Amino acid sequence: MHLSEVFTGLGDEALDQLLKGVSMGKLKTFQLFERIKTRAHLAKLSSATLRAAGPRLMQRMAGGDKELATELSQAILISHFDMIVAVLNFLGIPHEEGFFVKDLDPSTYLTEGWQLRVYTEFQGKYSNALLLFYINHLAVELLKADTVFLPAA
């Protein structure tokens, strides 16, 4: 599974919530501003133009635009380092201010039921869309997951 499938699996409303949380300042700090602007096909990048482009971006990801999904993932995640650090600390995963250490073996940290434990611990502390996105991002990046995690309602 690729990150584009995580976005489509979470749906349009989740994407809208995730785009609302993207920090233009963080994009500039991490030198992603121009990359996101170009990848999103936007003449001007602002919080408003990014959110307005959401439906079009979702269509592109549903069509398999993996590069767009990767770039958007980075934009979303760098805007929420506080959550990343909190989740990694909760799971006991070694990291350097939210960035994974080299040669990480996730199997010792992401044991059976980890997704639900993280969801239960952080539900209400962070938006549902952001929390589910990060849980699924971890699963795809570290475990090569093939399904989107969506907790039972």
Protein backbone atom coordinates (compact mmCIF):
# COMPACT_ATOMS: atom_id res chain seq x y z
CA MET A 1 0.00 0.00 0.00
CA HIS A 2 1.15 3.53 -0.68
CA LEU A 3 0.39 6.77 1.15
CA SER A 4 -2.01 7.76 -1.64
CA GLU A 5 -4.18 4.83 -0.52
CA VAL A 6 -4.05 6.09 3.07
CA PHE A 7 -5.41 9.46 1.94
CA THR A 8 -8.17 7.89 -0.15
CA GLY A 9 -8.95 5.37 2.61
CA LEU A 10 -9.42 8.14 5.16
CA GLY A 11 -11.59 10.14 2.76
CA ASP A 12 -12.30 13.69 1.64
CA GLU A 13 -13.30 15.07 5.05
CA ALA A 14 -10.08 13.81 6.62
CA LEU A 15 -8.00 15.34 3.83
CA ASP A 16 -9.75 18.68 4.37
CA GLN A 17 -8.91 18.52 8.09
CA LEU A 18 -5.31 17.56 7.37
CA LEU A 19 -4.85 20.39 4.87
CA LYS A 20 -6.23 22.90 7.39
CA GLY A 21 -3.41 21.95 9.75
CA VAL A 22 -0.55 22.54 7.30
CA SER A 23 1.70 25.35 8.49
CA MET A 24 3.03 27.61 5.75
CA GLY A 25 5.82 28.69 8.12
CA LYS A 26 6.94 25.10 8.68
CA LEU A 27 6.86 24.47 4.92
CA LYS A 28 9.24 27.40 4.49
CA THR A 29 11.45 26.35 7.41
CA PHE A 30 11.85 22.83 6.03
CA GLN A 31 12.19 24.11 2.45
CA LEU A 32 9.04 22.35 1.27
CA PHE A 33 7.02 25.44 0.32
CA GLU A 34 7.98 25.55 -3.37
CA ARG A 35 7.86 21.76 -3.69
CA ILE A 36 4.29 21.64 -2.36
CA LYS A 37 3.25 24.60 -4.48
CA THR A 38 4.64 22.91 -7.60
CA ARG A 39 3.39 19.39 -6.78
CA ALA A 40 -0.11 20.70 -5.97
CA HIS A 41 -0.15 22.69 -9.24
CA LEU A 42 -0.91 25.95 -7.43
CA ALA A 43 0.07 29.38 -8.75
CA LYS A 44 -0.03 30.72 -5.19
CA LEU A 45 0.33 28.62 -2.05
CA SER A 46 -1.54 29.67 1.07
CA SER A 47 -3.65 27.86 3.62
CA ALA A 48 -6.77 28.88 1.71
CA THR A 49 -5.54 27.81 -1.74
CA LEU A 50 -4.28 24.49 -0.39
CA ARG A 51 -7.63 23.71 1.26
CA ALA A 52 -9.53 24.78 -1.86
CA ALA A 53 -7.39 22.40 -3.93
CA GLY A 54 -8.30 19.46 -1.65
CA PRO A 55 -10.90 17.80 -3.91
CA ARG A 56 -8.58 18.03 -6.92
CA LEU A 57 -5.66 16.68 -4.88
CA MET A 58 -7.78 13.76 -3.68
CA GLN A 59 -8.72 12.93 -7.29
CA ARG A 60 -5.07 12.89 -8.26
CA MET A 61 -4.16 10.61 -5.37
CA ALA A 62 -7.08 8.32 -6.18
CA GLY A 63 -5.62 8.17 -9.67
CA GLY A 64 -2.33 6.97 -8.23
CA ASP A 65 -0.25 10.15 -7.89
CA LYS A 66 2.20 8.73 -5.35
CA GLU A 67 4.59 11.67 -5.49
CA LEU A 68 1.81 14.07 -4.53
CA ALA A 69 0.83 11.83 -1.62
CA THR A 70 4.43 11.67 -0.41
CA GLU A 71 4.88 15.46 -0.59
CA LEU A 72 1.56 16.15 1.14
CA SER A 73 2.45 13.64 3.85
CA GLN A 74 5.65 15.50 4.57
CA ALA A 75 3.82 18.83 4.67
CA ILE A 76 1.24 17.48 7.10
CA LEU A 77 3.74 15.73 9.36
CA ILE A 78 6.25 18.56 9.69
CA SER A 79 3.37 20.75 10.82
CA HIS A 80 2.69 18.41 13.76
CA PHE A 81 6.00 17.42 15.32
CA ASP A 82 4.46 17.67 18.79
CA MET A 83 2.13 14.77 18.02
CA ILE A 84 4.85 12.75 16.30
CA VAL A 85 7.17 13.06 19.30
CA ALA A 86 4.33 12.18 21.70
CA VAL A 87 3.33 9.07 19.73
CA LEU A 88 6.91 7.87 19.25
CA ASN A 89 7.61 8.38 22.96
CA PHE A 90 4.43 6.49 23.87
CA LEU A 91 5.50 3.59 21.66
CA GLY A 92 9.08 3.74 22.94
CA ILE A 93 10.46 4.15 19.43
CA PRO A 94 13.92 5.76 19.42
CA HIS A 95 13.97 9.04 17.55
CA GLU A 96 15.77 12.34 17.25
CA GLU A 97 13.15 15.06 17.76
CA GLY A 98 10.58 13.11 15.74
CA PHE A 99 12.95 11.69 13.12
CA PHE A 100 13.66 7.96 13.17
CA VAL A 101 17.10 6.75 14.12
CA LYS A 102 19.05 4.82 11.48
CA ASP A 103 18.48 1.10 11.00
CA LEU A 104 15.33 1.04 13.14
CA ASP A 105 13.69 -2.36 13.55
CA PRO A 106 10.06 -1.43 14.15
CA SER A 107 8.88 -4.95 14.99
CA THR A 108 10.05 -4.64 18.58
CA TYR A 109 7.98 -1.47 19.09
CA LEU A 110 4.96 -1.96 16.86
CA THR A 111 3.59 -5.08 18.47
CA GLU A 112 0.12 -6.49 17.93
CA GLY A 113 -2.58 -3.96 18.75
CA TRP A 114 -0.26 -0.94 18.67
CA GLN A 115 -2.54 1.05 16.37
CA LEU A 116 -5.54 0.79 18.69
CA ARG A 117 -3.36 1.56 21.74
CA VAL A 118 -2.08 4.74 20.08
CA TYR A 119 -5.54 5.72 18.90
CA THR A 120 -7.03 5.19 22.38
CA GLU A 121 -4.20 7.09 24.11
CA PHE A 122 -4.29 10.15 21.86
CA GLN A 123 -7.94 10.35 20.81
CA GLY A 124 -9.21 13.76 21.82
CA LYS A 125 -5.70 15.19 22.19
CA TYR A 126 -5.25 15.53 18.43
CA SER A 127 -7.74 15.66 15.60
CA ASN A 128 -9.10 12.29 14.57
CA ALA A 129 -7.97 12.81 10.97
CA LEU A 130 -4.41 13.69 12.01
CA LEU A 131 -4.11 10.84 14.48
CA LEU A 132 -5.43 8.26 12.01
CA PHE A 133 -3.21 9.64 9.27
CA TYR A 134 -0.09 9.31 11.42
CA ILE A 135 -0.97 5.83 12.65
CA ASN A 136 -1.44 4.72 9.04
CA HIS A 137 1.68 6.56 7.93
CA LEU A 138 3.73 4.66 10.53
CA ALA A 139 2.15 1.38 9.45
CA VAL A 140 2.94 1.98 5.78
CA GLU A 141 6.44 3.34 6.26
CA LEU A 142 7.67 0.95 8.95
CA LEU A 143 5.60 -2.19 8.46
CA LYS A 144 4.64 -1.99 4.78
CA ALA A 145 0.97 -2.31 5.81
CA ASP A 146 -1.53 -3.25 3.14
CA THR A 147 -4.75 -2.00 4.75
CA VAL A 148 -5.88 1.32 6.21
CA PHE A 149 -6.47 1.28 9.96
CA LEU A 150 -9.89 2.65 10.86
CA PRO A 151 -11.05 1.87 14.41
CA ALA A 152 -14.54 0.49 14.90
CA ALA A 153 -17.00 3.27 15.68
